[in-house]
Amino acid sequence: MVMEFEGGLFRERTMAGLQAKVRGHYGGKPRTLDEDKLARRLKVEEIYSMLGVGTHTLYEYLAEAANDGKVRG
């Protein structure tokens, strides 16, 4: 009895999802990484690989520079 009920719910949700897809609606979490963010991320990766430091170290230096205008070292 419970399995039949759950099966019916599953079918209803599947059909609702397919109908929404036909209308152009897609579920799920919206994308957060756009082309600009990806380009910035690639640039940061190039910087730390050229400097030979890890991401944590690079971001520490950048944070210090933003806070007091000076980089330690």
PDB file of N, CA and C in Angstrom:
ATOM      1  N   MET A   1       0.834  -1.189   0.000  1.00  0.00           N
ATOM      2  CA  MET A   1       0.000   0.000   0.000  1.00  0.00           C
ATOM      3  C   MET A   1       0.881   1.257   0.000  1.00  0.00           C
ATOM      4  N   VAL A   2       1.850   1.311   0.914  1.00  0.00           N
ATOM      5  CA  VAL A   2       2.733   2.478   0.999  1.00  0.00           C
ATOM      6  C   VAL A   2       3.583   2.576  -0.258  1.00  0.00           C
ATOM      7  N   MET A   3       4.055   1.428  -0.751  1.00  0.00           N
ATOM      8  CA  MET A   3       4.894   1.442  -1.945  1.00  0.00           C
ATOM      9  C   MET A   3       4.113   1.936  -3.156  1.00  0.00           C
ATOM     10  N   GLU A   4       2.829   1.573  -3.241  1.00  0.00           N
ATOM     11  CA  GLU A   4       2.006   2.043  -4.354  1.00  0.00           C
ATOM     12  C   GLU A   4       1.832   3.557  -4.278  1.00  0.00           C
ATOM     13  N   PHE A   5       1.631   4.073  -3.064  1.00  0.00           N
ATOM     14  CA  PHE A   5       1.478   5.508  -2.864  1.00  0.00           C
ATOM     15  C   PHE A   5       2.754   6.250  -3.253  1.00  0.00           C
ATOM     16  N   GLU A   6       3.895   5.727  -2.794  1.00  0.00           N
ATOM     17  CA  GLU A   6       5.177   6.354  -3.117  1.00  0.00           C
ATOM     18  C   GLU A   6       5.457   6.281  -4.613  1.00  0.00           C
ATOM     19  N   GLY A   7       5.085   5.178  -5.243  1.00  0.00           N
ATOM     20  CA  GLY A   7       5.257   5.033  -6.691  1.00  0.00           C
ATOM     21  C   GLY A   7       4.429   6.058  -7.439  1.00  0.00           C
ATOM     22  N   GLY A   8       3.207   6.300  -6.953  1.00  0.00           N
ATOM     23  CA  GLY A   8       2.346   7.315  -7.565  1.00  0.00           C
ATOM     24  C   GLY A   8       2.941   8.703  -7.430  1.00  0.00           C
ATOM     25  N   LEU A   9       3.488   9.004  -6.254  1.00  0.00           N
ATOM     26  CA  LEU A   9       4.136  10.304  -6.048  1.00  0.00           C
ATOM     27  C   LEU A   9       5.334  10.467  -6.965  1.00  0.00           C
ATOM     28  N   PHE A  10       6.089   9.402  -7.107  1.00  0.00           N
ATOM     29  CA  PHE A  10       7.268   9.432  -7.965  1.00  0.00           C
ATOM     30  C   PHE A  10       6.865   9.735  -9.406  1.00  0.00           C
ATOM     31  N   ARG A  11       5.824   9.059  -9.876  1.00  0.00           N
ATOM     32  CA  ARG A  11       5.346   9.293 -11.245  1.00  0.00           C
ATOM     33  C   ARG A  11       4.851  10.723 -11.412  1.00  0.00           C
ATOM     34  N   GLU A  12       4.099  11.243 -10.430  1.00  0.00           N
ATOM     35  CA  GLU A  12       3.595  12.618 -10.502  1.00  0.00           C
ATOM     36  C   GLU A  12       4.741  13.628 -10.563  1.00  0.00           C
ATOM     37  N   ARG A  13       5.732  13.437  -9.722  1.00  0.00           N
ATOM     38  CA  ARG A  13       6.863  14.365  -9.701  1.00  0.00           C
ATOM     39  C   ARG A  13       7.665  14.292 -10.992  1.00  0.00           C
ATOM     40  N   THR A  14       7.822  13.082 -11.518  1.00  0.00           N
ATOM     41  CA  THR A  14       8.535  12.915 -12.773  1.00  0.00           C
ATOM     42  C   THR A  14       7.807  13.629 -13.898  1.00  0.00           C
ATOM     43  N   MET A  15       6.496  13.441 -13.981  1.00  0.00           N
ATOM     44  CA  MET A  15       5.713  14.090 -15.033  1.00  0.00           C
ATOM     45  C   MET A  15       5.736  15.612 -14.874  1.00  0.00           C
ATOM     46  N   ALA A  16       5.655  16.101 -13.648  1.00  0.00           N
ATOM     47  CA  ALA A  16       5.708  17.544 -13.414  1.00  0.00           C
ATOM     48  C   ALA A  16       7.062  18.106 -13.848  1.00  0.00           C
ATOM     49  N   GLY A  17       8.120  17.382 -13.558  1.00  0.00           N
ATOM     50  CA  GLY A  17       9.453  17.808 -13.961  1.00  0.00           C
ATOM     51  C   GLY A  17       9.618  17.821 -15.469  1.00  0.00           C
ATOM     52  N   LEU A  18       9.090  16.817 -16.132  1.00  0.00           N
ATOM     53  CA  LEU A  18       9.183  16.759 -17.596  1.00  0.00           C
ATOM     54  C   LEU A  18       8.378  17.880 -18.236  1.00  0.00           C
ATOM     55  N   GLN A  19       7.199  18.169 -17.692  1.00  0.00           N
ATOM     56  CA  GLN A  19       6.384  19.268 -18.219  1.00  0.00           C
ATOM     57  C   GLN A  19       7.080  20.610 -18.006  1.00  0.00           C
ATOM     58  N   ALA A  20       7.718  20.793 -16.875  1.00  0.00           N
ATOM     59  CA  ALA A  20       8.441  22.033 -16.605  1.00  0.00           C
ATOM     60  C   ALA A  20       9.618  22.167 -17.568  1.00  0.00           C
ATOM     61  N   LYS A  21      10.275  21.068 -17.854  1.00  0.00           N
ATOM     62  CA  LYS A  21      11.425  21.091 -18.765  1.00  0.00           C
ATOM     63  C   LYS A  21      10.982  21.511 -20.165  1.00  0.00           C
ATOM     64  N   VAL A  22       9.804  21.026 -20.591  1.00  0.00           N
ATOM     65  CA  VAL A  22       9.257  21.406 -21.895  1.00  0.00           C
ATOM     66  C   VAL A  22       9.006  22.911 -21.937  1.00  0.00           C
ATOM     67  N   ARG A  23       8.588  23.483 -20.809  1.00  0.00           N
ATOM     68  CA  ARG A  23       8.329  24.932 -20.725  1.00  0.00           C
ATOM     69  C   ARG A  23       9.620  25.733 -20.566  1.00  0.00           C
ATOM     70  N   GLY A  24      10.758  25.051 -20.451  1.00  0.00           N
ATOM     71  CA  GLY A  24      12.028  25.750 -20.343  1.00  0.00           C
ATOM     72  C   GLY A  24      12.501  25.975 -18.926  1.00  0.00           C
ATOM     73  N   HIS A  25      11.862  25.362 -17.956  1.00  0.00           N
ATOM     74  CA  HIS A  25      12.265  25.510 -16.559  1.00  0.00           C
ATOM     75  C   HIS A  25      13.123  24.322 -16.151  1.00  0.00           C
ATOM     76  N   TYR A  26      14.220  24.627 -15.525  1.00  0.00           N
ATOM     77  CA  TYR A  26      15.109  23.576 -15.048  1.00  0.00           C
ATOM     78  C   TYR A  26      15.290  23.743 -13.553  1.00  0.00           C
ATOM     79  N   GLY A  27      15.267  22.667 -12.827  1.00  0.00           N
ATOM     80  CA  GLY A  27      15.427  22.713 -11.389  1.00  0.00           C
ATOM     81  C   GLY A  27      16.889  22.701 -11.000  1.00  0.00           C
ATOM     82  N   GLY A  28      17.114  22.704  -9.722  1.00  0.00           N
ATOM     83  CA  GLY A  28      18.473  22.623  -9.220  1.00  0.00           C
ATOM     84  C   GLY A  28      19.020  23.979  -8.831  1.00  0.00           C
ATOM     85  N   LYS A  29      20.215  23.940  -8.320  1.00  0.00           N
ATOM     86  CA  LYS A  29      20.884  25.146  -7.854  1.00  0.00           C
ATOM     87  C   LYS A  29      21.356  25.966  -9.052  1.00  0.00           C
ATOM     88  N   PRO A  30      21.159  27.280  -9.019  1.00  0.00           N
ATOM     89  CA  PRO A  30      21.638  28.097 -10.130  1.00  0.00           C
ATOM     90  C   PRO A  30      23.158  28.083 -10.227  1.00  0.00           C
ATOM     91  N   ARG A  31      23.675  28.270 -11.404  1.00  0.00           N
ATOM     92  CA  ARG A  31      25.120  28.275 -11.605  1.00  0.00           C
ATOM     93  C   ARG A  31      25.712  29.520 -10.965  1.00  0.00           C
ATOM     94  N   THR A  32      26.826  29.347 -10.281  1.00  0.00           N
ATOM     95  CA  THR A  32      27.455  30.478  -9.613  1.00  0.00           C
ATOM     96  C   THR A  32      28.756  30.894 -10.274  1.00  0.00           C
ATOM     97  N   LEU A  33      29.280  30.067 -11.133  1.00  0.00           N
ATOM     98  CA  LEU A  33      30.554  30.369 -11.775  1.00  0.00           C
ATOM     99  C   LEU A  33      30.282  30.828 -13.208  1.00  0.00           C
ATOM    100  N   ASP A  34      30.330  32.148 -13.414  1.00  0.00           N
ATOM    101  CA  ASP A  34      30.143  32.659 -14.761  1.00  0.00           C
ATOM    102  C   ASP A  34      31.501  32.855 -15.426  1.00  0.00           C
ATOM    103  N   GLU A  35      31.489  33.350 -16.643  1.00  0.00           N
ATOM    104  CA  GLU A  35      32.739  33.478 -17.393  1.00  0.00           C
ATOM    105  C   GLU A  35      33.712  34.448 -16.728  1.00  0.00           C
ATOM    106  N   ASP A  36      33.201  35.552 -16.169  1.00  0.00           N
ATOM    107  CA  ASP A  36      34.080  36.520 -15.506  1.00  0.00           C
ATOM    108  C   ASP A  36      34.768  35.899 -14.297  1.00  0.00           C
ATOM    109  N   LYS A  37      33.995  35.186 -13.478  1.00  0.00           N
ATOM    110  CA  LYS A  37      34.574  34.552 -12.297  1.00  0.00           C
ATOM    111  C   LYS A  37      35.587  33.487 -12.701  1.00  0.00           C
ATOM    112  N   LEU A  38      35.285  32.764 -13.753  1.00  0.00           N
ATOM    113  CA  LEU A  38      36.201  31.737 -14.217  1.00  0.00           C
ATOM    114  C   LEU A  38      37.499  32.374 -14.707  1.00  0.00           C
ATOM    115  N   ALA A  39      37.393  33.481 -15.447  1.00  0.00           N
ATOM    116  CA  ALA A  39      38.589  34.167 -15.946  1.00  0.00           C
ATOM    117  C   ALA A  39      39.437  34.670 -14.783  1.00  0.00           C
ATOM    118  N   ARG A  40      38.781  35.255 -13.755  1.00  0.00           N
ATOM    119  CA  ARG A  40      39.530  35.725 -12.584  1.00  0.00           C
ATOM    120  C   ARG A  40      40.196  34.569 -11.869  1.00  0.00           C
ATOM    121  N   ARG A  41      39.514  33.450 -11.759  1.00  0.00           N
ATOM    122  CA  ARG A  41      40.060  32.287 -11.083  1.00  0.00           C
ATOM    123  C   ARG A  41      41.292  31.770 -11.831  1.00  0.00           C
ATOM    124  N   LEU A  42      41.210  31.741 -13.142  1.00  0.00           N
ATOM    125  CA  LEU A  42      42.349  31.266 -13.922  1.00  0.00           C
ATOM    126  C   LEU A  42      43.540  32.198 -13.755  1.00  0.00           C
ATOM    127  N   LYS A  43      43.278  33.488 -13.693  1.00  0.00           N
ATOM    128  CA  LYS A  43      44.374  34.434 -13.519  1.00  0.00           C
ATOM    129  C   LYS A  43      45.059  34.228 -12.171  1.00  0.00           C
ATOM    130  N   VAL A  44      44.287  34.003 -11.124  1.00  0.00           N
ATOM    131  CA  VAL A  44      44.849  33.769  -9.794  1.00  0.00           C
ATOM    132  C   VAL A  44      45.690  32.501  -9.802  1.00  0.00           C
ATOM    133  N   GLU A  45      45.186  31.455 -10.444  1.00  0.00           N
ATOM    134  CA  GLU A  45      45.946  30.210 -10.515  1.00  0.00           C
ATOM    135  C   GLU A  45      47.265  30.418 -11.259  1.00  0.00           C
ATOM    136  N   GLU A  46      47.249  31.230 -12.300  1.00  0.00           N
ATOM    137  CA  GLU A  46      48.489  31.508 -13.026  1.00  0.00           C
ATOM    138  C   GLU A  46      49.463  32.262 -12.132  1.00  0.00           C
ATOM    139  N   ILE A  47      48.964  33.222 -11.346  1.00  0.00           N
ATOM    140  CA  ILE A  47      49.819  34.025 -10.474  1.00  0.00           C
ATOM    141  C   ILE A  47      50.513  33.146  -9.445  1.00  0.00           C
ATOM    142  N   TYR A  48      49.744  32.338  -8.725  1.00  0.00           N
ATOM    143  CA  TYR A  48      50.397  31.552  -7.673  1.00  0.00           C
ATOM    144  C   TYR A  48      51.287  30.463  -8.240  1.00  0.00           C
ATOM    145  N   SER A  49      50.996  29.979  -9.435  1.00  0.00           N
ATOM    146  CA  SER A  49      51.910  28.988 -10.007  1.00  0.00           C
ATOM    147  C   SER A  49      53.210  29.658 -10.459  1.00  0.00           C
ATOM    148  N   MET A  50      53.122  30.901 -10.967  1.00  0.00           N
ATOM    149  CA  MET A  50      54.329  31.621 -11.379  1.00  0.00           C
ATOM    150  C   MET A  50      55.184  31.983 -10.172  1.00  0.00           C
ATOM    151  N   LEU A  51      54.532  32.344  -9.061  1.00  0.00           N
ATOM    152  CA  LEU A  51      55.265  32.738  -7.860  1.00  0.00           C
ATOM    153  C   LEU A  51      55.769  31.540  -7.058  1.00  0.00           C
ATOM    154  N   GLY A  52      55.181  30.400  -7.305  1.00  0.00           N
ATOM    155  CA  GLY A  52      55.595  29.201  -6.578  1.00  0.00           C
ATOM    156  C   GLY A  52      55.076  29.156  -5.157  1.00  0.00           C
ATOM    157  N   VAL A  53      53.914  29.790  -4.919  1.00  0.00           N
ATOM    158  CA  VAL A  53      53.295  29.759  -3.592  1.00  0.00           C
ATOM    159  C   VAL A  53      51.926  29.121  -3.715  1.00  0.00           C
ATOM    160  N   GLY A  54      51.396  28.714  -2.570  1.00  0.00           N
ATOM    161  CA  GLY A  54      50.069  28.133  -2.547  1.00  0.00           C
ATOM    162  C   GLY A  54      48.985  29.198  -2.558  1.00  0.00           C
ATOM    163  N   THR A  55      47.764  28.763  -2.790  1.00  0.00           N
ATOM    164  CA  THR A  55      46.651  29.710  -2.844  1.00  0.00           C
ATOM    165  C   THR A  55      46.468  30.411  -1.506  1.00  0.00           C
ATOM    166  N   HIS A  56      46.616  29.679  -0.413  1.00  0.00           N
ATOM    167  CA  HIS A  56      46.431  30.264   0.913  1.00  0.00           C
ATOM    168  C   HIS A  56      47.417  31.408   1.138  1.00  0.00           C
ATOM    169  N   THR A  57      48.672  31.181   0.794  1.00  0.00           N
ATOM    170  CA  THR A  57      49.704  32.201   0.972  1.00  0.00           C
ATOM    171  C   THR A  57      49.405  33.417   0.117  1.00  0.00           C
ATOM    172  N   LEU A  58      49.021  33.203  -1.130  1.00  0.00           N
ATOM    173  CA  LEU A  58      48.717  34.316  -2.018  1.00  0.00           C
ATOM    174  C   LEU A  58      47.555  35.136  -1.481  1.00  0.00           C
ATOM    175  N   TYR A  59      46.488  34.466  -1.054  1.00  0.00           N
ATOM    176  CA  TYR A  59      45.333  35.188  -0.530  1.00  0.00           C
ATOM    177  C   TYR A  59      45.657  35.901   0.778  1.00  0.00           C
ATOM    178  N   GLU A  60      46.559  35.343   1.583  1.00  0.00           N
ATOM    179  CA  GLU A  60      47.001  36.030   2.800  1.00  0.00           C
ATOM    180  C   GLU A  60      47.678  37.346   2.446  1.00  0.00           C
ATOM    181  N   TYR A  61      48.571  37.309   1.491  1.00  0.00           N
ATOM    182  CA  TYR A  61      49.270  38.525   1.049  1.00  0.00           C
ATOM    183  C   TYR A  61      48.285  39.545   0.484  1.00  0.00           C
ATOM    184  N   LEU A  62      47.351  39.087  -0.318  1.00  0.00           N
ATOM    185  CA  LEU A  62      46.373  40.000  -0.905  1.00  0.00           C
ATOM    186  C   LEU A  62      45.486  40.627   0.159  1.00  0.00           C
ATOM    187  N   ALA A  63      45.110  39.853   1.171  1.00  0.00           N
ATOM    188  CA  ALA A  63      44.275  40.377   2.250  1.00  0.00           C
ATOM    189  C   ALA A  63      45.038  41.420   3.056  1.00  0.00           C
ATOM    190  N   GLU A  64      46.292  41.142   3.356  1.00  0.00           N
ATOM    191  CA  GLU A  64      47.107  42.104   4.097  1.00  0.00           C
ATOM    192  C   GLU A  64      47.287  43.384   3.301  1.00  0.00           C
ATOM    193  N   ALA A  65      47.497  43.249   2.009  1.00  0.00           N
ATOM    194  CA  ALA A  65      47.678  44.432   1.161  1.00  0.00           C
ATOM    195  C   ALA A  65      46.400  45.250   1.119  1.00  0.00           C
ATOM    196  N   ALA A  66      45.261  44.597   1.106  1.00  0.00           N
ATOM    197  CA  ALA A  66      43.992  45.313   1.074  1.00  0.00           C
ATOM    198  C   ALA A  66      43.703  45.981   2.415  1.00  0.00           C
ATOM    199  N   ASN A  67      44.139  45.362   3.516  1.00  0.00           N
ATOM    200  CA  ASN A  67      43.847  45.908   4.844  1.00  0.00           C
ATOM    201  C   ASN A  67      44.714  47.098   5.212  1.00  0.00           C
ATOM    202  N   ASP A  68      46.013  47.006   4.983  1.00  0.00           N
ATOM    203  CA  ASP A  68      46.874  48.097   5.425  1.00  0.00           C
ATOM    204  C   ASP A  68      47.772  48.658   4.330  1.00  0.00           C
ATOM    205  N   GLY A  69      47.577  48.184   3.123  1.00  0.00           N
ATOM    206  CA  GLY A  69      48.367  48.705   2.025  1.00  0.00           C
ATOM    207  C   GLY A  69      49.786  48.179   1.973  1.00  0.00           C
ATOM    208  N   LYS A  70      50.132  47.289   2.850  1.00  0.00           N
ATOM    209  CA  LYS A  70      51.489  46.742   2.882  1.00  0.00           C
ATOM    210  C   LYS A  70      51.439  45.229   2.771  1.00  0.00           C
ATOM    211  N   VAL A  71      52.429  44.688   2.141  1.00  0.00           N
ATOM    212  CA  VAL A  71      52.592  43.244   2.074  1.00  0.00           C
ATOM    213  C   VAL A  71      53.736  42.867   2.991  1.00  0.00           C
ATOM    214  N   ARG A  72      53.512  41.845   3.823  1.00  0.00           N
ATOM    215  CA  ARG A  72      54.574  41.434   4.744  1.00  0.00           C
ATOM    216  C   ARG A  72      55.740  40.855   3.986  1.00  0.00           C
ATOM    217  N   GLY A  73      56.866  40.776   4.647  1.00  0.00           N
ATOM    218  CA  GLY A  73      57.985  40.106   4.014  1.00  0.00           C
ATOM    219  C   GLY A  73      59.139  40.950   4.049  1.00  0.00           C
TER     220      GLY A  73
END
